[in-house]
């Protein structure tokens, strides 16, 4: 049976660190050849940061870990705020989060249902 991580978070900056901690604990200390733990935590940080900045509180963090990989979703209550993959310059202070997700995740995407938006990434097979 696969155990899923689900957490409801508020749009406060300290929730980014809390989300990283939750996913770190969820993944545990065991080595998994399909998942780079540090990359997973970095990408969680990026998605949650975007939800804090652009989403509407509360939002939900979900993670599903299986033998073949990890899927993380962040659902916020702002269907109008589609994620934008920007090509930023090296001097910009922000705007690189989805570039990291696009580069480091095996797959990522988003969807909306008229009320909320889900941004997700997958690492592994």
N, C-alpha and C. Protein backbone atom coordinates (compact mmCIF):
# COMPACT_ATOMS: atom_id res chain seq x y z
N UNK A 1 0.84 -1.19 0.00
CA UNK A 1 0.00 0.00 0.00
C UNK A 1 0.88 1.25 0.00
N UNK A 2 0.57 2.18 -0.88
CA UNK A 2 1.34 3.41 -0.96
C UNK A 2 0.73 4.45 -0.01
N UNK A 3 1.60 5.05 0.78
CA UNK A 3 1.17 6.11 1.69
C UNK A 3 1.38 7.44 0.98
N UNK A 4 0.37 8.27 1.02
CA UNK A 4 0.42 9.57 0.36
C UNK A 4 0.57 10.67 1.41
N UNK A 5 1.40 11.65 1.10
CA UNK A 5 1.52 12.83 1.95
C UNK A 5 0.49 13.84 1.48
N UNK A 6 -0.28 14.38 2.42
CA UNK A 6 -1.24 15.46 2.14
C UNK A 6 -1.12 16.46 3.26
N UNK A 7 -0.98 17.73 2.89
CA UNK A 7 -0.90 18.78 3.89
C UNK A 7 -1.58 20.03 3.35
N UNK A 8 -2.31 20.71 4.20
CA UNK A 8 -2.93 21.98 3.85
C UNK A 8 -2.06 23.07 4.46
N UNK A 9 -1.66 24.02 3.62
CA UNK A 9 -0.74 25.08 4.02
C UNK A 9 -1.36 26.44 3.71
N UNK A 10 -0.91 27.45 4.44
CA UNK A 10 -1.34 28.83 4.19
C UNK A 10 -0.29 29.55 3.36
N UNK A 11 -0.68 30.63 2.75
CA UNK A 11 0.22 31.41 1.90
C UNK A 11 1.09 32.34 2.75
N UNK A 12 1.95 31.75 3.55
CA UNK A 12 2.93 32.49 4.35
C UNK A 12 4.31 31.97 4.00
N UNK A 13 5.31 32.83 3.89
CA UNK A 13 6.65 32.40 3.49
C UNK A 13 7.23 31.27 4.33
N UNK A 14 6.93 31.19 5.62
CA UNK A 14 7.48 30.11 6.44
C UNK A 14 6.94 28.75 6.04
N UNK A 15 5.86 28.72 5.28
CA UNK A 15 5.29 27.46 4.84
C UNK A 15 6.18 26.74 3.83
N UNK A 16 7.07 27.48 3.17
CA UNK A 16 8.00 26.87 2.21
C UNK A 16 8.94 25.92 2.95
N UNK A 17 9.53 26.38 4.04
CA UNK A 17 10.41 25.53 4.84
C UNK A 17 9.63 24.36 5.43
N UNK A 18 8.40 24.61 5.86
CA UNK A 18 7.57 23.55 6.42
C UNK A 18 7.29 22.47 5.36
N UNK A 19 7.00 22.88 4.14
CA UNK A 19 6.74 21.93 3.06
C UNK A 19 8.00 21.11 2.75
N UNK A 20 9.16 21.76 2.73
CA UNK A 20 10.41 21.01 2.50
C UNK A 20 10.60 19.96 3.59
N UNK A 21 10.35 20.34 4.82
CA UNK A 21 10.49 19.42 5.96
C UNK A 21 9.51 18.24 5.82
N UNK A 22 8.27 18.53 5.47
CA UNK A 22 7.28 17.47 5.32
C UNK A 22 7.69 16.46 4.26
N UNK A 23 8.16 16.94 3.13
CA UNK A 23 8.55 16.03 2.05
C UNK A 23 9.83 15.29 2.41
N UNK A 24 10.74 15.96 3.07
CA UNK A 24 11.96 15.28 3.52
C UNK A 24 11.64 14.13 4.45
N UNK A 25 10.75 14.38 5.41
CA UNK A 25 10.32 13.33 6.35
C UNK A 25 9.57 12.23 5.61
N UNK A 26 8.74 12.61 4.67
CA UNK A 26 7.96 11.64 3.90
C UNK A 26 8.87 10.70 3.12
N UNK A 27 9.92 11.25 2.51
CA UNK A 27 10.84 10.42 1.73
C UNK A 27 11.72 9.55 2.62
N UNK A 28 11.97 10.00 3.87
CA UNK A 28 12.78 9.22 4.78
C UNK A 28 14.26 9.27 4.42
N UNK A 29 15.04 8.49 5.13
CA UNK A 29 16.48 8.49 4.94
C UNK A 29 16.96 7.44 3.96
N UNK A 30 16.08 6.55 3.54
CA UNK A 30 16.47 5.46 2.66
C UNK A 30 16.87 5.97 1.28
N UNK A 31 17.88 5.35 0.73
CA UNK A 31 18.32 5.71 -0.62
C UNK A 31 17.34 5.12 -1.63
N UNK A 32 17.04 5.87 -2.65
CA UNK A 32 16.16 5.40 -3.72
C UNK A 32 16.84 5.76 -5.03
N UNK A 33 17.12 4.77 -5.83
CA UNK A 33 17.86 5.03 -7.06
C UNK A 33 17.06 5.87 -8.05
N UNK A 34 15.75 5.95 -7.89
CA UNK A 34 14.92 6.69 -8.83
C UNK A 34 14.71 8.14 -8.43
N UNK A 35 15.06 8.49 -7.20
CA UNK A 35 14.76 9.83 -6.71
C UNK A 35 16.01 10.47 -6.10
N UNK A 36 16.35 11.64 -6.61
CA UNK A 36 17.38 12.45 -5.97
C UNK A 36 16.66 13.31 -4.94
N UNK A 37 16.85 12.97 -3.69
CA UNK A 37 16.15 13.61 -2.58
C UNK A 37 16.33 15.13 -2.55
N UNK A 38 17.56 15.59 -2.76
CA UNK A 38 17.82 17.03 -2.73
C UNK A 38 17.11 17.76 -3.86
N UNK A 39 17.06 17.16 -5.02
CA UNK A 39 16.34 17.77 -6.14
C UNK A 39 14.85 17.81 -5.83
N UNK A 40 14.33 16.73 -5.28
CA UNK A 40 12.90 16.69 -4.93
C UNK A 40 12.56 17.81 -3.96
N UNK A 41 13.37 18.00 -2.95
CA UNK A 41 13.11 19.04 -1.95
C UNK A 41 13.24 20.43 -2.56
N UNK A 42 14.22 20.63 -3.44
CA UNK A 42 14.36 21.91 -4.13
C UNK A 42 13.12 22.22 -4.97
N UNK A 43 12.63 21.23 -5.69
CA UNK A 43 11.46 21.45 -6.55
C UNK A 43 10.20 21.69 -5.74
N UNK A 44 10.07 21.01 -4.61
CA UNK A 44 8.95 21.29 -3.70
C UNK A 44 9.01 22.75 -3.28
N UNK A 45 10.20 23.20 -2.93
CA UNK A 45 10.38 24.59 -2.51
C UNK A 45 9.92 25.56 -3.60
N UNK A 46 10.24 25.26 -4.84
CA UNK A 46 9.85 26.14 -5.94
C UNK A 46 8.34 26.17 -6.14
N UNK A 47 7.70 25.00 -6.13
CA UNK A 47 6.24 24.98 -6.32
C UNK A 47 5.51 25.66 -5.18
N UNK A 48 5.95 25.42 -3.95
CA UNK A 48 5.28 26.02 -2.80
C UNK A 48 5.53 27.52 -2.77
N UNK A 49 6.73 27.95 -3.12
CA UNK A 49 7.01 29.39 -3.19
C UNK A 49 6.07 30.06 -4.19
N UNK A 50 5.88 29.44 -5.34
CA UNK A 50 4.95 30.00 -6.33
C UNK A 50 3.53 30.06 -5.79
N UNK A 51 3.12 29.03 -5.05
CA UNK A 51 1.77 29.05 -4.46
C UNK A 51 1.64 30.14 -3.42
N UNK A 52 2.68 30.36 -2.63
CA UNK A 52 2.66 31.43 -1.62
C UNK A 52 2.55 32.79 -2.30
N UNK A 53 3.30 32.98 -3.37
CA UNK A 53 3.34 34.28 -4.05
C UNK A 53 2.11 34.52 -4.92
N UNK A 54 1.70 33.51 -5.69
CA UNK A 54 0.68 33.71 -6.71
C UNK A 54 -0.67 33.06 -6.40
N UNK A 55 -0.70 32.17 -5.43
CA UNK A 55 -1.93 31.43 -5.14
C UNK A 55 -2.81 32.14 -4.13
N UNK A 56 -3.92 31.51 -3.85
CA UNK A 56 -4.84 32.01 -2.84
C UNK A 56 -4.93 30.93 -1.76
N UNK A 57 -4.76 31.35 -0.53
CA UNK A 57 -4.74 30.45 0.62
C UNK A 57 -6.11 29.89 0.91
N UNK A 58 -6.20 28.71 1.46
CA UNK A 58 -5.12 27.76 1.70
C UNK A 58 -4.79 26.98 0.43
N UNK A 59 -3.63 26.30 0.43
CA UNK A 59 -3.31 25.44 -0.68
C UNK A 59 -2.91 24.07 -0.15
N UNK A 60 -2.93 23.09 -1.05
CA UNK A 60 -2.67 21.72 -0.63
C UNK A 60 -1.40 21.19 -1.29
N UNK A 61 -0.57 20.55 -0.49
CA UNK A 61 0.63 19.85 -0.94
C UNK A 61 0.33 18.36 -0.90
N UNK A 62 0.59 17.66 -2.00
CA UNK A 62 0.40 16.21 -2.05
C UNK A 62 1.65 15.59 -2.64
N UNK A 63 2.06 14.47 -2.08
CA UNK A 63 3.20 13.73 -2.63
C UNK A 63 2.86 12.25 -2.62
N UNK A 64 3.24 11.57 -3.69
CA UNK A 64 3.04 10.14 -3.82
C UNK A 64 4.38 9.52 -4.24
N UNK A 65 4.90 8.66 -3.39
CA UNK A 65 6.18 8.01 -3.63
C UNK A 65 5.92 6.54 -3.90
N UNK A 66 6.47 6.03 -4.98
CA UNK A 66 6.34 4.62 -5.30
C UNK A 66 7.72 4.07 -5.64
N UNK A 67 7.79 2.82 -5.96
CA UNK A 67 9.07 2.21 -6.33
C UNK A 67 9.68 2.89 -7.55
N UNK A 68 8.84 3.40 -8.40
CA UNK A 68 9.34 3.96 -9.65
C UNK A 68 9.59 5.47 -9.61
N UNK A 69 9.15 6.16 -8.57
CA UNK A 69 9.40 7.59 -8.54
C UNK A 69 8.55 8.35 -7.56
N UNK A 70 8.52 9.65 -7.76
CA UNK A 70 7.83 10.58 -6.88
C UNK A 70 7.01 11.54 -7.73
N UNK A 71 5.78 11.79 -7.29
CA UNK A 71 4.93 12.83 -7.89
C UNK A 71 4.53 13.78 -6.78
N UNK A 72 4.72 15.07 -7.02
CA UNK A 72 4.34 16.12 -6.06
C UNK A 72 3.39 17.06 -6.77
N UNK A 73 2.30 17.42 -6.07
CA UNK A 73 1.33 18.37 -6.60
C UNK A 73 1.10 19.47 -5.58
N UNK A 74 0.93 20.68 -6.07
CA UNK A 74 0.53 21.80 -5.22
C UNK A 74 -0.72 22.39 -5.85
N UNK A 75 -1.82 22.35 -5.10
CA UNK A 75 -3.11 22.88 -5.55
C UNK A 75 -3.40 24.16 -4.79
N UNK A 76 -3.63 25.24 -5.55
CA UNK A 76 -4.02 26.49 -4.90
C UNK A 76 -5.36 26.94 -5.43
N UNK A 77 -5.92 27.94 -4.83
CA UNK A 77 -7.25 28.41 -5.17
C UNK A 77 -7.22 29.63 -6.09
N UNK A 78 -6.33 29.58 -7.09
CA UNK A 78 -6.23 30.67 -8.04
C UNK A 78 -6.13 30.08 -9.44
N UNK A 79 -7.27 29.71 -10.00
CA UNK A 79 -7.28 29.11 -11.34
C UNK A 79 -6.83 30.10 -12.40
N UNK A 80 -6.93 31.39 -12.12
CA UNK A 80 -6.56 32.40 -13.11
C UNK A 80 -5.06 32.59 -13.23
N UNK A 81 -4.31 32.10 -12.28
CA UNK A 81 -2.86 32.34 -12.27
C UNK A 81 -2.07 31.22 -12.90
N UNK A 82 -2.14 31.07 -14.22
CA UNK A 82 -1.41 30.02 -14.91
C UNK A 82 0.10 30.19 -14.73
N UNK A 83 0.81 29.09 -14.47
CA UNK A 83 2.26 29.19 -14.33
C UNK A 83 2.91 29.54 -15.66
N UNK A 84 3.94 30.35 -15.60
CA UNK A 84 4.63 30.82 -16.80
C UNK A 84 6.10 30.44 -16.70
N UNK A 85 6.58 29.70 -17.66
CA UNK A 85 7.99 29.35 -17.74
C UNK A 85 8.71 30.52 -18.40
N UNK A 86 9.43 31.28 -17.60
CA UNK A 86 10.11 32.48 -18.09
C UNK A 86 11.56 32.17 -18.42
N UNK A 87 12.07 32.91 -19.38
CA UNK A 87 13.49 32.89 -19.66
C UNK A 87 14.02 34.19 -19.07
N UNK A 88 14.53 34.10 -17.84
CA UNK A 88 14.98 35.29 -17.14
C UNK A 88 16.44 35.57 -17.38
N UNK A 89 16.81 36.80 -17.12
CA UNK A 89 18.23 37.12 -17.21
C UNK A 89 18.91 36.75 -15.90
N UNK A 90 20.20 36.65 -15.92
CA UNK A 90 20.97 36.23 -14.76
C UNK A 90 20.92 37.21 -13.60
N UNK A 91 20.46 38.41 -13.82
CA UNK A 91 20.44 39.43 -12.78
C UNK A 91 19.09 39.52 -12.05
N UNK A 92 18.07 38.88 -12.59
CA UNK A 92 16.74 38.95 -11.98
C UNK A 92 16.74 38.24 -10.63
N UNK A 93 16.02 38.81 -9.66
CA UNK A 93 15.95 38.22 -8.32
C UNK A 93 14.93 37.11 -8.23
N UNK A 94 14.05 37.00 -9.19
CA UNK A 94 13.03 35.95 -9.17
C UNK A 94 12.72 35.54 -10.60
N UNK A 95 11.83 34.55 -10.72
CA UNK A 95 11.39 34.15 -12.04
C UNK A 95 12.07 32.91 -12.59
N UNK A 96 12.94 32.27 -11.80
CA UNK A 96 13.65 31.09 -12.28
C UNK A 96 13.09 29.78 -11.75
N UNK A 97 12.07 29.82 -10.90
CA UNK A 97 11.56 28.61 -10.26
C UNK A 97 11.11 27.55 -11.23
N UNK A 98 10.29 27.93 -12.20
CA UNK A 98 9.81 26.93 -13.16
C UNK A 98 10.91 26.51 -14.12
N UNK A 99 11.94 27.34 -14.32
CA UNK A 99 13.08 26.89 -15.11
C UNK A 99 13.78 25.73 -14.41
N UNK A 100 13.92 25.84 -13.09
CA UNK A 100 14.50 24.74 -12.33
C UNK A 100 13.64 23.49 -12.43
N UNK A 101 12.34 23.66 -12.27
CA UNK A 101 11.42 22.53 -12.36
C UNK A 101 11.52 21.90 -13.75
N UNK A 102 11.53 22.72 -14.79
CA UNK A 102 11.59 22.22 -16.16
C UNK A 102 12.90 21.48 -16.42
N UNK A 103 13.98 21.94 -15.84
CA UNK A 103 15.29 21.33 -16.05
C UNK A 103 15.49 20.07 -15.22
N UNK A 104 15.05 20.08 -13.97
CA UNK A 104 15.40 19.01 -13.04
C UNK A 104 14.36 17.90 -12.91
N UNK A 105 13.11 18.20 -13.18
CA UNK A 105 12.07 17.17 -13.09
C UNK A 105 12.06 16.35 -14.38
N UNK A 106 11.63 15.11 -14.27
CA UNK A 106 11.48 14.30 -15.47
C UNK A 106 10.25 14.73 -16.27
N UNK A 107 9.23 15.15 -15.55
CA UNK A 107 8.00 15.67 -16.15
C UNK A 107 7.40 16.70 -15.21
N UNK A 108 6.69 17.67 -15.77
CA UNK A 108 5.94 18.61 -14.96
C UNK A 108 4.81 19.18 -15.80
N UNK A 109 3.85 19.76 -15.12
CA UNK A 109 2.74 20.37 -15.84
C UNK A 109 1.78 21.04 -14.88
N UNK A 110 0.64 21.42 -15.40
CA UNK A 110 -0.38 22.07 -14.57
C UNK A 110 -1.74 21.88 -15.22
N UNK A 111 -2.75 22.06 -14.41
CA UNK A 111 -4.13 22.02 -14.90
C UNK A 111 -4.96 22.93 -14.01
N UNK A 112 -6.13 23.29 -14.50
CA UNK A 112 -7.06 24.10 -13.70
C UNK A 112 -8.47 23.61 -13.95
N UNK A 113 -9.31 23.85 -12.96
CA UNK A 113 -10.69 23.38 -13.06
C UNK A 113 -11.71 24.51 -12.92
N UNK A 114 -11.27 25.75 -13.09
CA UNK A 114 -12.16 26.89 -12.95
C UNK A 114 -12.17 27.48 -11.56
N UNK A 115 -11.76 26.71 -10.57
CA UNK A 115 -11.70 27.17 -9.18
C UNK A 115 -10.27 27.16 -8.66
N UNK A 116 -9.56 26.10 -8.99
CA UNK A 116 -8.20 25.94 -8.48
C UNK A 116 -7.26 25.50 -9.60
N UNK A 117 -5.98 25.56 -9.29
CA UNK A 117 -4.95 25.15 -10.22
C UNK A 117 -4.05 24.15 -9.51
N UNK A 118 -3.56 23.15 -10.25
CA UNK A 118 -2.61 22.17 -9.74
C UNK A 118 -1.35 22.26 -10.59
N UNK A 119 -0.22 22.46 -9.92
CA UNK A 119 1.07 22.41 -10.59
C UNK A 119 1.77 21.19 -10.02
N UNK A 120 2.38 20.36 -10.87
CA UNK A 120 2.94 19.11 -10.41
C UNK A 120 4.29 18.85 -11.09
N UNK A 121 5.07 17.97 -10.46
CA UNK A 121 6.27 17.45 -11.10
C UNK A 121 6.43 15.98 -10.74
N UNK A 122 7.18 15.29 -11.58
CA UNK A 122 7.50 13.88 -11.33
C UNK A 122 8.99 13.67 -11.51
N UNK A 123 9.53 12.84 -10.64
CA UNK A 123 10.92 12.41 -10.71
C UNK A 123 10.91 10.90 -10.73
N UNK A 124 11.64 10.29 -11.63
CA UNK A 124 11.69 8.84 -11.73
C UNK A 124 10.86 8.36 -12.89
N UNK A 125 10.77 7.05 -13.00
CA UNK A 125 10.10 6.42 -14.14
C UNK A 125 8.64 6.69 -14.19
